[in-house]
Amino acid sequence: MRKKSYQFNHPKGFSFIEIVIVSALAFIILFVIYDIFLISQKANRLGDEKLELIQNGRIILDRLSRELRQTPDLVTELPSTKDEVGFPPANELQFQDGHDLEDIQYLRYYLNSQLLNRQRIVYYFFDEPETYVYWDSHDEFEDPPEFSILEEKTIAEYINNIQFYGNKVIYIDVLLNKNETNEHLFTGVWGRNTRQ
């Protein structure tokens, strides 16, 4: 008896429908992977920006807190509260440097664009420029002193707004912004040496 041999028809390649389905699935998988990659990149960028803003804010608050605790005198008049009618919070602050200096010097913090700058200032009378005096001094003719900026440098960047207010406790309210990231930092400083 003779065995029957069965032959199967094996296709030699893929059909057009199979190629289209596989290509579509591959495209969807690549699109999802690329989308996940973009989301993780954006999250990393936002995290880096947030960290940078917090670091800038900490530099401002640490430095100002240390210097305000030592100052014997504020030049800038501040409202007692943030919402005092007719007397908005100051966006710059000048005070006497309370560190052990031989000369009377003042520090001024002010916002220029999105940069917080710090100036070291001295006051003097025209006839004695080497002798530094207090900012509210007057000469024999009741004239106020001249001033000179000894040093100016940038302390921090990405500052959207800074506000100072308070009496015994000086409050510092800082808003920072970089691209899509915002941060708000706030502190109060008790001036140990401030004359009231």
N, C-alpha and C. Protein backbone atom coordinates (compact mmCIF):
# COMPACT_ATOMS: atom_id res chain seq x y z
N MET A 1 0.80 -1.15 0.00
CA MET A 1 0.00 0.00 0.00
C MET A 1 0.86 1.24 0.00
N ARG A 2 0.40 2.07 -0.69
CA ARG A 2 1.13 3.32 -0.93
C ARG A 2 0.65 4.42 0.00
N LYS A 3 1.60 5.12 0.63
CA LYS A 3 1.23 6.21 1.52
C LYS A 3 0.95 7.47 0.73
N LYS A 4 -0.06 8.15 1.22
CA LYS A 4 -0.38 9.41 0.55
C LYS A 4 0.49 10.50 1.16
N SER A 5 1.00 11.25 0.36
CA SER A 5 1.79 12.37 0.88
C SER A 5 0.97 13.65 0.74
N TYR A 6 0.93 14.33 1.88
CA TYR A 6 0.19 15.59 1.90
C TYR A 6 1.17 16.73 1.80
N GLN A 7 0.91 17.60 0.98
CA GLN A 7 1.75 18.78 0.85
C GLN A 7 0.96 20.01 1.29
N PHE A 8 1.61 20.77 2.15
CA PHE A 8 0.97 22.00 2.60
C PHE A 8 1.55 23.15 1.81
N ASN A 9 0.70 24.08 1.56
CA ASN A 9 1.14 25.29 0.86
C ASN A 9 1.67 26.30 1.87
N HIS A 10 2.95 26.44 2.02
CA HIS A 10 3.56 27.42 2.92
C HIS A 10 3.82 28.69 2.14
N PRO A 11 3.31 29.82 2.65
CA PRO A 11 3.59 31.05 1.93
C PRO A 11 5.08 31.41 2.07
N LYS A 12 5.60 32.04 1.08
CA LYS A 12 7.02 32.40 1.05
C LYS A 12 7.31 33.73 1.73
N GLY A 13 6.31 34.52 2.13
CA GLY A 13 6.52 35.82 2.77
C GLY A 13 5.30 36.23 3.55
N PHE A 14 5.29 37.52 3.96
CA PHE A 14 4.17 38.05 4.71
C PHE A 14 3.19 38.70 3.75
N SER A 15 1.96 38.66 4.16
CA SER A 15 0.96 39.32 3.33
C SER A 15 0.99 40.82 3.63
N PHE A 16 0.38 41.58 2.79
CA PHE A 16 0.34 43.04 2.93
C PHE A 16 -0.36 43.43 4.24
N ILE A 17 -1.42 42.77 4.59
CA ILE A 17 -2.17 43.05 5.81
C ILE A 17 -1.29 42.81 7.03
N GLU A 18 -0.53 41.71 7.02
CA GLU A 18 0.36 41.41 8.15
C GLU A 18 1.42 42.50 8.30
N ILE A 19 1.97 42.95 7.20
CA ILE A 19 3.00 44.01 7.23
C ILE A 19 2.42 45.31 7.78
N VAL A 20 1.21 45.66 7.36
CA VAL A 20 0.58 46.89 7.83
C VAL A 20 0.30 46.80 9.34
N ILE A 21 -0.19 45.66 9.81
CA ILE A 21 -0.50 45.49 11.23
C ILE A 21 0.77 45.56 12.07
N VAL A 22 1.82 44.87 11.67
CA VAL A 22 3.08 44.88 12.40
C VAL A 22 3.69 46.28 12.40
N SER A 23 3.63 46.96 11.26
CA SER A 23 4.17 48.33 11.19
C SER A 23 3.39 49.27 12.10
N ALA A 24 2.07 49.14 12.12
CA ALA A 24 1.25 50.00 12.98
C ALA A 24 1.56 49.73 14.44
N LEU A 25 1.68 48.47 14.83
CA LEU A 25 2.01 48.13 16.21
C LEU A 25 3.39 48.66 16.60
N ALA A 26 4.36 48.52 15.71
CA ALA A 26 5.71 49.02 15.98
C ALA A 26 5.70 50.53 16.13
N PHE A 27 4.93 51.22 15.28
CA PHE A 27 4.83 52.68 15.36
C PHE A 27 4.20 53.10 16.68
N ILE A 28 3.13 52.42 17.09
CA ILE A 28 2.47 52.76 18.36
C ILE A 28 3.41 52.53 19.54
N ILE A 29 4.13 51.44 19.53
CA ILE A 29 5.08 51.15 20.62
C ILE A 29 6.18 52.21 20.67
N LEU A 30 6.74 52.56 19.51
CA LEU A 30 7.78 53.60 19.46
C LEU A 30 7.23 54.96 19.92
N PHE A 31 6.01 55.27 19.52
CA PHE A 31 5.39 56.53 19.91
C PHE A 31 5.20 56.59 21.43
N VAL A 32 4.74 55.50 22.03
CA VAL A 32 4.56 55.45 23.48
C VAL A 32 5.90 55.58 24.20
N ILE A 33 6.91 54.89 23.72
CA ILE A 33 8.24 54.97 24.33
C ILE A 33 8.79 56.40 24.22
N TYR A 34 8.63 57.01 23.05
CA TYR A 34 9.12 58.38 22.86
C TYR A 34 8.36 59.36 23.76
N ASP A 35 7.05 59.16 23.90
CA ASP A 35 6.24 60.01 24.75
C ASP A 35 6.67 59.88 26.22
N ILE A 36 6.93 58.67 26.66
CA ILE A 36 7.42 58.45 28.03
C ILE A 36 8.78 59.13 28.22
N PHE A 37 9.63 59.05 27.22
CA PHE A 37 10.94 59.71 27.27
C PHE A 37 10.77 61.22 27.40
N LEU A 38 9.87 61.82 26.60
CA LEU A 38 9.65 63.27 26.68
C LEU A 38 9.09 63.68 28.03
N ILE A 39 8.16 62.90 28.57
CA ILE A 39 7.58 63.21 29.88
C ILE A 39 8.66 63.15 30.97
N SER A 40 9.53 62.14 30.91
CA SER A 40 10.58 62.04 31.93
C SER A 40 11.60 63.17 31.78
N GLN A 41 11.90 63.58 30.54
CA GLN A 41 12.81 64.70 30.34
C GLN A 41 12.22 65.99 30.91
N LYS A 42 10.92 66.22 30.67
CA LYS A 42 10.27 67.42 31.19
C LYS A 42 10.24 67.39 32.72
N ALA A 43 9.95 66.23 33.30
CA ALA A 43 9.94 66.11 34.76
C ALA A 43 11.33 66.39 35.33
N ASN A 44 12.38 65.90 34.68
CA ASN A 44 13.75 66.16 35.13
C ASN A 44 14.07 67.65 35.05
N ARG A 45 13.67 68.28 33.95
CA ARG A 45 13.94 69.71 33.76
C ARG A 45 13.21 70.53 34.82
N LEU A 46 11.92 70.21 35.05
CA LEU A 46 11.16 70.93 36.07
C LEU A 46 11.74 70.71 37.46
N GLY A 47 12.19 69.50 37.74
CA GLY A 47 12.83 69.22 39.02
C GLY A 47 14.11 70.00 39.20
N ASP A 48 14.91 70.07 38.13
CA ASP A 48 16.16 70.85 38.20
C ASP A 48 15.87 72.33 38.40
N GLU A 49 14.85 72.85 37.69
CA GLU A 49 14.50 74.27 37.84
C GLU A 49 14.01 74.55 39.25
N LYS A 50 13.18 73.67 39.79
CA LYS A 50 12.66 73.85 41.16
C LYS A 50 13.82 73.85 42.16
N LEU A 51 14.74 72.93 41.99
CA LEU A 51 15.90 72.86 42.88
C LEU A 51 16.75 74.13 42.78
N GLU A 52 16.94 74.63 41.56
CA GLU A 52 17.72 75.85 41.36
C GLU A 52 17.03 77.06 42.01
N LEU A 53 15.71 77.14 41.87
CA LEU A 53 14.97 78.25 42.49
C LEU A 53 15.05 78.18 44.01
N ILE A 54 14.88 77.00 44.56
CA ILE A 54 14.96 76.85 46.01
C ILE A 54 16.35 77.21 46.51
N GLN A 55 17.38 76.80 45.79
CA GLN A 55 18.75 77.14 46.17
C GLN A 55 18.97 78.65 46.15
N ASN A 56 18.48 79.32 45.09
CA ASN A 56 18.59 80.78 45.01
C ASN A 56 17.85 81.44 46.17
N GLY A 57 16.66 80.95 46.46
CA GLY A 57 15.88 81.51 47.57
C GLY A 57 16.57 81.32 48.91
N ARG A 58 17.16 80.15 49.10
CA ARG A 58 17.88 79.89 50.37
C ARG A 58 19.08 80.82 50.52
N ILE A 59 19.79 81.07 49.43
CA ILE A 59 20.93 81.99 49.48
C ILE A 59 20.47 83.37 49.95
N ILE A 60 19.36 83.85 49.36
CA ILE A 60 18.83 85.16 49.72
C ILE A 60 18.44 85.20 51.20
N LEU A 61 17.61 84.24 51.59
CA LEU A 61 17.08 84.27 52.96
C LEU A 61 18.18 84.06 54.00
N ASP A 62 19.12 83.16 53.74
CA ASP A 62 20.21 82.93 54.68
C ASP A 62 21.08 84.17 54.86
N ARG A 63 21.45 84.77 53.73
CA ARG A 63 22.34 85.93 53.80
C ARG A 63 21.65 87.12 54.44
N LEU A 64 20.43 87.42 54.00
CA LEU A 64 19.70 88.55 54.57
C LEU A 64 19.40 88.34 56.05
N SER A 65 19.03 87.13 56.41
CA SER A 65 18.73 86.84 57.83
C SER A 65 19.95 87.08 58.69
N ARG A 66 21.10 86.59 58.25
CA ARG A 66 22.34 86.75 59.02
C ARG A 66 22.69 88.23 59.17
N GLU A 67 22.57 88.99 58.09
CA GLU A 67 22.96 90.41 58.14
C GLU A 67 21.94 91.25 58.90
N LEU A 68 20.64 90.93 58.75
CA LEU A 68 19.62 91.71 59.46
C LEU A 68 19.67 91.47 60.97
N ARG A 69 20.03 90.27 61.38
CA ARG A 69 20.14 90.00 62.82
C ARG A 69 21.23 90.87 63.46
N GLN A 70 22.25 91.23 62.69
CA GLN A 70 23.39 91.98 63.23
C GLN A 70 23.25 93.49 63.08
N THR A 71 22.33 93.96 62.26
CA THR A 71 22.29 95.39 61.98
C THR A 71 21.83 96.21 63.18
N PRO A 72 22.49 97.34 63.42
CA PRO A 72 22.02 98.23 64.49
C PRO A 72 20.97 99.24 64.02
N ASP A 73 20.82 99.40 62.67
CA ASP A 73 19.93 100.46 62.20
C ASP A 73 19.38 100.16 60.81
N LEU A 74 18.08 100.31 60.63
CA LEU A 74 17.45 100.21 59.32
C LEU A 74 17.32 101.61 58.72
N VAL A 75 17.66 101.74 57.45
CA VAL A 75 17.48 103.00 56.75
C VAL A 75 16.10 103.02 56.10
N THR A 76 15.71 101.92 55.50
CA THR A 76 14.43 101.82 54.80
C THR A 76 13.29 101.75 55.82
N GLU A 77 12.29 102.60 55.63
CA GLU A 77 11.12 102.56 56.50
C GLU A 77 10.18 101.47 55.97
N LEU A 78 9.76 100.59 56.87
CA LEU A 78 8.93 99.46 56.48
C LEU A 78 7.54 99.56 57.10
N PRO A 79 6.51 99.12 56.34
CA PRO A 79 5.18 99.05 56.95
C PRO A 79 5.14 97.91 57.97
N SER A 80 4.25 98.01 58.93
CA SER A 80 4.21 96.97 59.96
C SER A 80 3.61 95.67 59.44
N THR A 81 2.70 95.75 58.45
CA THR A 81 2.11 94.54 57.87
C THR A 81 2.19 94.59 56.35
N LYS A 82 1.94 93.47 55.75
CA LYS A 82 1.99 93.38 54.28
C LYS A 82 0.82 94.13 53.64
N ASP A 83 -0.29 94.24 54.36
CA ASP A 83 -1.51 94.82 53.80
C ASP A 83 -1.84 96.19 54.37
N GLU A 84 -0.84 96.92 54.84
CA GLU A 84 -1.11 98.24 55.41
C GLU A 84 -1.57 99.19 54.31
N VAL A 85 -2.71 99.82 54.53
CA VAL A 85 -3.32 100.69 53.52
C VAL A 85 -2.44 101.93 53.31
N GLY A 86 -2.14 102.21 52.04
CA GLY A 86 -1.36 103.39 51.69
C GLY A 86 0.13 103.26 51.94
N PHE A 87 0.60 102.12 52.40
CA PHE A 87 2.03 101.93 52.69
C PHE A 87 2.41 100.51 52.30
N PRO A 88 2.65 100.27 51.02
CA PRO A 88 2.95 98.91 50.56
C PRO A 88 4.32 98.44 51.06
N PRO A 89 4.55 97.13 51.08
CA PRO A 89 5.86 96.61 51.48
C PRO A 89 6.97 97.15 50.56
N ALA A 90 8.14 97.32 51.12
CA ALA A 90 9.29 97.81 50.35
C ALA A 90 9.83 96.68 49.46
N ASN A 91 10.30 97.05 48.28
CA ASN A 91 10.92 96.04 47.41
C ASN A 91 12.43 96.19 47.37
N GLU A 92 12.96 97.04 48.25
CA GLU A 92 14.40 97.13 48.48
C GLU A 92 14.61 97.43 49.94
N LEU A 93 15.82 97.14 50.41
CA LEU A 93 16.09 97.30 51.83
C LEU A 93 17.52 97.80 52.02
N GLN A 94 17.65 98.85 52.84
CA GLN A 94 18.98 99.36 53.17
C GLN A 94 19.10 99.40 54.69
N PHE A 95 20.26 98.96 55.18
CA PHE A 95 20.50 98.92 56.62
C PHE A 95 21.99 99.00 56.88
N GLN A 96 22.34 99.36 58.12
CA GLN A 96 23.74 99.48 58.50
C GLN A 96 24.34 98.09 58.65
N ASP A 97 25.55 97.93 58.16
CA ASP A 97 26.26 96.65 58.30
C ASP A 97 26.66 96.51 59.76
N GLY A 98 26.20 95.47 60.40
CA GLY A 98 26.43 95.28 61.83
C GLY A 98 27.63 94.43 62.17
N HIS A 99 28.35 94.00 61.17
CA HIS A 99 29.56 93.22 61.45
C HIS A 99 30.66 94.16 61.92
N ASP A 100 31.61 93.64 62.61
CA ASP A 100 32.65 94.47 63.21
C ASP A 100 33.51 95.13 62.16
N LEU A 101 33.08 96.31 61.73
CA LEU A 101 33.83 97.10 60.77
C LEU A 101 34.35 98.35 61.47
N GLU A 102 35.49 98.82 61.04
CA GLU A 102 36.02 100.05 61.62
C GLU A 102 35.24 101.26 61.14
N ASP A 103 34.71 101.18 59.92
CA ASP A 103 33.97 102.29 59.33
C ASP A 103 32.47 102.01 59.37
N ILE A 104 31.69 103.07 59.31
CA ILE A 104 30.23 102.93 59.24
C ILE A 104 29.87 102.67 57.78
N GLN A 105 29.32 101.50 57.52
CA GLN A 105 28.95 101.13 56.16
C GLN A 105 27.52 100.60 56.15
N TYR A 106 26.89 100.71 54.99
CA TYR A 106 25.51 100.29 54.83
C TYR A 106 25.40 99.28 53.69
N LEU A 107 24.40 98.42 53.80
CA LEU A 107 24.12 97.44 52.76
C LEU A 107 22.75 97.74 52.16
N ARG A 108 22.67 97.64 50.86
CA ARG A 108 21.40 97.87 50.17
C ARG A 108 21.12 96.67 49.27
N TYR A 109 19.96 96.06 49.44
CA TYR A 109 19.50 94.98 48.57
C TYR A 109 18.36 95.52 47.71
N TYR A 110 18.46 95.30 46.42
CA TYR A 110 17.40 95.78 45.52
C TYR A 110 17.29 94.84 44.32
N LEU A 111 16.11 94.86 43.72
CA LEU A 111 15.81 94.00 42.58
C LEU A 111 16.04 94.78 41.30
N ASN A 112 16.83 94.20 40.39
CA ASN A 112 17.08 94.79 39.08
C ASN A 112 16.75 93.73 38.05
N SER A 113 15.64 93.90 37.36
CA SER A 113 15.11 92.88 36.45
C SER A 113 14.80 91.65 37.31
N GLN A 114 15.41 90.51 37.06
CA GLN A 114 15.19 89.34 37.91
C GLN A 114 16.43 89.01 38.74
N LEU A 115 17.29 90.00 38.93
CA LEU A 115 18.52 89.81 39.71
C LEU A 115 18.43 90.58 41.02
N LEU A 116 18.80 89.93 42.11
CA LEU A 116 18.87 90.61 43.39
C LEU A 116 20.32 91.08 43.57
N ASN A 117 20.49 92.39 43.67
CA ASN A 117 21.82 92.98 43.81
C ASN A 117 22.04 93.47 45.24
N ARG A 118 23.31 93.52 45.61
CA ARG A 118 23.72 93.98 46.94
C ARG A 118 24.79 95.04 46.77
N GLN A 119 24.56 96.20 47.39
CA GLN A 119 25.54 97.29 47.36
C GLN A 119 26.08 97.53 48.76
N ARG A 120 27.35 97.90 48.79
CA ARG A 120 27.96 98.36 50.04
C ARG A 120 28.14 99.88 49.86
N ILE A 121 27.53 100.66 50.76
CA ILE A 121 27.46 102.12 50.61
C ILE A 121 28.07 102.78 51.84
N VAL A 122 28.72 103.93 51.61
CA VAL A 122 29.22 104.76 52.71
C VAL A 122 28.70 106.18 52.52
N TYR A 123 28.50 106.87 53.64
CA TYR A 123 28.06 108.27 53.64
C TYR A 123 29.19 109.13 54.19
N TYR A 124 29.34 110.32 53.64
CA TYR A 124 30.42 111.23 54.05
C TYR A 124 30.02 112.65 53.70
N PHE A 125 30.73 113.60 54.28
CA PHE A 125 30.52 115.00 53.93
C PHE A 125 31.60 115.41 52.94
N PHE A 126 31.22 116.33 52.07
CA PHE A 126 32.07 116.74 50.95
C PHE A 126 33.46 117.19 51.41
N ASP A 127 33.54 117.90 52.52
CA ASP A 127 34.85 118.42 52.96
C ASP A 127 35.70 117.37 53.68
N GLU A 128 35.11 116.21 54.06
CA GLU A 128 35.86 115.13 54.70
C GLU A 128 35.46 113.78 54.08
N PRO A 129 35.88 113.49 52.86
CA PRO A 129 35.43 112.26 52.17
C PRO A 129 35.97 110.96 52.79
N GLU A 130 37.03 111.05 53.59
CA GLU A 130 37.60 109.83 54.19
C GLU A 130 36.90 109.45 55.50
N THR A 131 36.10 110.34 56.05
CA THR A 131 35.40 110.07 57.30
C THR A 131 33.95 109.69 56.99
N TYR A 132 33.61 108.47 57.31
CA TYR A 132 32.26 107.99 57.03
C TYR A 132 31.34 108.31 58.21
N VAL A 133 30.12 108.69 57.88
CA VAL A 133 29.15 109.11 58.90
C VAL A 133 27.87 108.30 58.75
N TYR A 134 26.95 108.47 59.71
CA TYR A 134 25.65 107.81 59.63
C TYR A 134 24.81 108.45 58.52
N TRP A 135 23.92 107.68 57.95
CA TRP A 135 23.12 108.13 56.81
C TRP A 135 22.24 109.33 57.14
N ASP A 136 21.84 109.48 58.40
CA ASP A 136 20.94 110.57 58.77
C ASP A 136 21.68 111.74 59.44
N SER A 137 23.00 111.78 59.27
CA SER A 137 23.80 112.88 59.85
C SER A 137 23.59 114.16 59.04
N HIS A 138 23.94 115.28 59.66
CA HIS A 138 23.90 116.58 58.98
C HIS A 138 25.16 117.35 59.37
N ASP A 139 25.64 118.17 58.43
CA ASP A 139 26.82 118.99 58.75
C ASP A 139 26.37 120.28 59.44
N GLU A 140 27.31 121.21 59.65
CA GLU A 140 26.99 122.44 60.38
C GLU A 140 25.98 123.32 59.67
N PHE A 141 25.79 123.07 58.36
CA PHE A 141 24.80 123.85 57.58
C PHE A 141 23.48 123.08 57.43
N GLU A 142 23.35 121.97 58.18
CA GLU A 142 22.17 121.10 58.14
C GLU A 142 21.99 120.39 56.79
N ASP A 143 23.09 120.22 56.06
CA ASP A 143 23.05 119.50 54.79
C ASP A 143 23.26 118.00 55.04
N PRO A 144 22.55 117.15 54.30
CA PRO A 144 22.75 115.70 54.46
C PRO A 144 24.07 115.25 53.83
N PRO A 145 24.54 114.09 54.18
CA PRO A 145 25.81 113.62 53.61
C PRO A 145 25.67 113.14 52.17
N GLU A 146 26.81 113.09 51.49
CA GLU A 146 26.91 112.46 50.17
C GLU A 146 27.04 110.96 50.40
N PHE A 147 26.90 110.18 49.32
CA PHE A 147 27.13 108.75 49.48
C PHE A 147 27.93 108.23 48.30
N SER A 148 28.58 107.11 48.54
CA SER A 148 29.38 106.45 47.51
C SER A 148 29.16 104.94 47.61
N ILE A 149 29.11 104.30 46.45
CA ILE A 149 28.95 102.84 46.41
C ILE A 149 30.34 102.22 46.33
N LEU A 150 30.72 101.47 47.37
CA LEU A 150 32.03 100.83 47.40
C LEU A 150 32.06 99.52 46.62
N GLU A 151 30.94 98.82 46.63
CA GLU A 151 30.89 97.49 46.03
C GLU A 151 29.47 97.20 45.58
N GLU A 152 29.34 96.52 44.46
CA GLU A 152 28.02 96.08 43.99
C GLU A 152 28.18 94.73 43.32
N LYS A 153 27.31 93.78 43.73
CA LYS A 153 27.36 92.46 43.11
C LYS A 153 25.98 91.82 43.12
N THR A 154 25.81 90.86 42.23
CA THR A 154 24.56 90.12 42.15
C THR A 154 24.61 88.96 43.13
N ILE A 155 23.55 88.82 43.92
CA ILE A 155 23.47 87.77 44.94
C ILE A 155 22.71 86.55 44.42
N ALA A 156 21.60 86.78 43.71
CA ALA A 156 20.77 85.67 43.24
C ALA A 156 20.02 86.10 41.98
N GLU A 157 19.52 85.11 41.25
CA GLU A 157 18.77 85.39 40.03
C GLU A 157 17.42 84.69 40.06
N TYR A 158 16.62 84.96 39.06
CA TYR A 158 15.26 84.39 38.91
C TYR A 158 14.30 84.91 39.98
N ILE A 159 14.52 86.12 40.47
CA ILE A 159 13.65 86.70 41.48
C ILE A 159 12.56 87.50 40.77
N ASN A 160 11.33 87.08 40.94
CA ASN A 160 10.20 87.79 40.33
C ASN A 160 9.81 88.99 41.17
N ASN A 161 9.82 88.82 42.49
CA ASN A 161 9.44 89.91 43.39
C ASN A 161 10.03 89.62 44.77
N ILE A 162 10.37 90.68 45.46
CA ILE A 162 10.81 90.55 46.85
C ILE A 162 10.16 91.69 47.63
N GLN A 163 9.66 91.38 48.83
CA GLN A 163 9.00 92.38 49.66
C GLN A 163 9.52 92.28 51.09
N PHE A 164 9.66 93.47 51.70
CA PHE A 164 10.11 93.58 53.09
C PHE A 164 9.06 94.36 53.89
N TYR A 165 8.71 93.88 55.07
CA TYR A 165 7.80 94.60 55.94
C TYR A 165 7.96 94.08 57.36
N GLY A 166 7.41 94.81 58.31
CA GLY A 166 7.46 94.39 59.71
C GLY A 166 8.21 95.40 60.56
N ASN A 167 7.95 95.35 61.87
CA ASN A 167 8.61 96.25 62.82
C ASN A 167 9.71 95.53 63.57
N LYS A 168 9.36 94.87 64.64
CA LYS A 168 10.38 94.16 65.42
C LYS A 168 10.89 92.93 64.68
N VAL A 169 9.99 92.26 63.98
CA VAL A 169 10.37 91.15 63.12
C VAL A 169 10.27 91.64 61.68
N ILE A 170 11.35 91.50 60.93
CA ILE A 170 11.35 91.91 59.52
C ILE A 170 11.01 90.68 58.69
N TYR A 171 9.94 90.78 57.93
CA TYR A 171 9.50 89.68 57.09
C TYR A 171 10.05 89.85 55.67
N ILE A 172 10.51 88.75 55.11
CA ILE A 172 11.05 88.74 53.74
C ILE A 172 10.21 87.76 52.94
N ASP A 173 9.58 88.25 51.89
CA ASP A 173 8.68 87.47 51.05
C ASP A 173 9.27 87.45 49.64
N VAL A 174 9.66 86.27 49.15
CA VAL A 174 10.37 86.17 47.87
C VAL A 174 9.58 85.28 46.90
N LEU A 175 9.36 85.78 45.69
CA LEU A 175 8.76 84.99 44.62
C LEU A 175 9.82 84.77 43.56
N LEU A 176 10.05 83.50 43.20
CA LEU A 176 11.05 83.15 42.20
C LEU A 176 10.36 82.50 41.00
N ASN A 177 10.93 82.69 39.81
CA ASN A 177 10.33 82.14 38.61
C ASN A 177 11.41 81.84 37.59
N LYS A 178 11.34 80.64 37.01
CA LYS A 178 12.21 80.27 35.89
C LYS A 178 11.38 79.41 34.94
N ASN A 179 11.21 79.88 33.72
CA ASN A 179 10.39 79.21 32.70
C ASN A 179 8.99 78.93 33.25
N GLU A 180 8.63 77.68 33.44
CA GLU A 180 7.29 77.33 33.92
C GLU A 180 7.24 77.05 35.42
N THR A 181 8.36 77.21 36.10
CA THR A 181 8.45 76.83 37.52
C THR A 181 8.41 78.08 38.40
N ASN A 182 7.59 78.04 39.45
CA ASN A 182 7.47 79.13 40.41
C ASN A 182 7.73 78.60 41.81
N GLU A 183 8.33 79.43 42.65
CA GLU A 183 8.56 79.11 44.05
C GLU A 183 8.26 80.35 44.89
N HIS A 184 7.73 80.14 46.08
CA HIS A 184 7.45 81.22 47.01
C HIS A 184 8.12 80.87 48.34
N LEU A 185 9.02 81.72 48.80
CA LEU A 185 9.71 81.51 50.08
C LEU A 185 9.45 82.70 50.98
N PHE A 186 9.41 82.43 52.28
CA PHE A 186 9.03 83.46 53.25
C PHE A 186 9.75 83.18 54.56
N THR A 187 10.21 84.25 55.21
CA THR A 187 10.80 84.09 56.53
C THR A 187 10.64 85.39 57.32
N GLY A 188 10.81 85.31 58.61
CA GLY A 188 10.83 86.47 59.48
C GLY A 188 12.15 86.50 60.23
N VAL A 189 12.72 87.69 60.39
CA VAL A 189 14.02 87.85 61.04
C VAL A 189 13.88 88.81 62.21
N TRP A 190 14.30 88.35 63.37
CA TRP A 190 14.32 89.19 64.55
C TRP A 190 15.66 89.91 64.60
N GLY A 191 15.64 91.24 64.52
CA GLY A 191 16.87 92.02 64.58
C GLY A 191 17.37 92.15 66.01
N ARG A 192 18.39 91.38 66.36
CA ARG A 192 18.89 91.39 67.73
C ARG A 192 19.43 92.74 68.15
N ASN A 193 20.08 93.43 67.19
CA ASN A 193 20.78 94.67 67.54
C ASN A 193 20.08 95.92 67.02
N THR A 194 18.93 95.79 66.40
CA THR A 194 18.27 96.92 65.77
C THR A 194 17.74 97.89 66.81
N ARG A 195 18.04 99.16 66.58
CA ARG A 195 17.51 100.22 67.42
C ARG A 195 16.07 100.48 67.01
N GLN A 196 15.15 100.51 67.94
CA GLN A 196 13.74 100.78 67.62
C GLN A 196 13.32 102.07 68.29
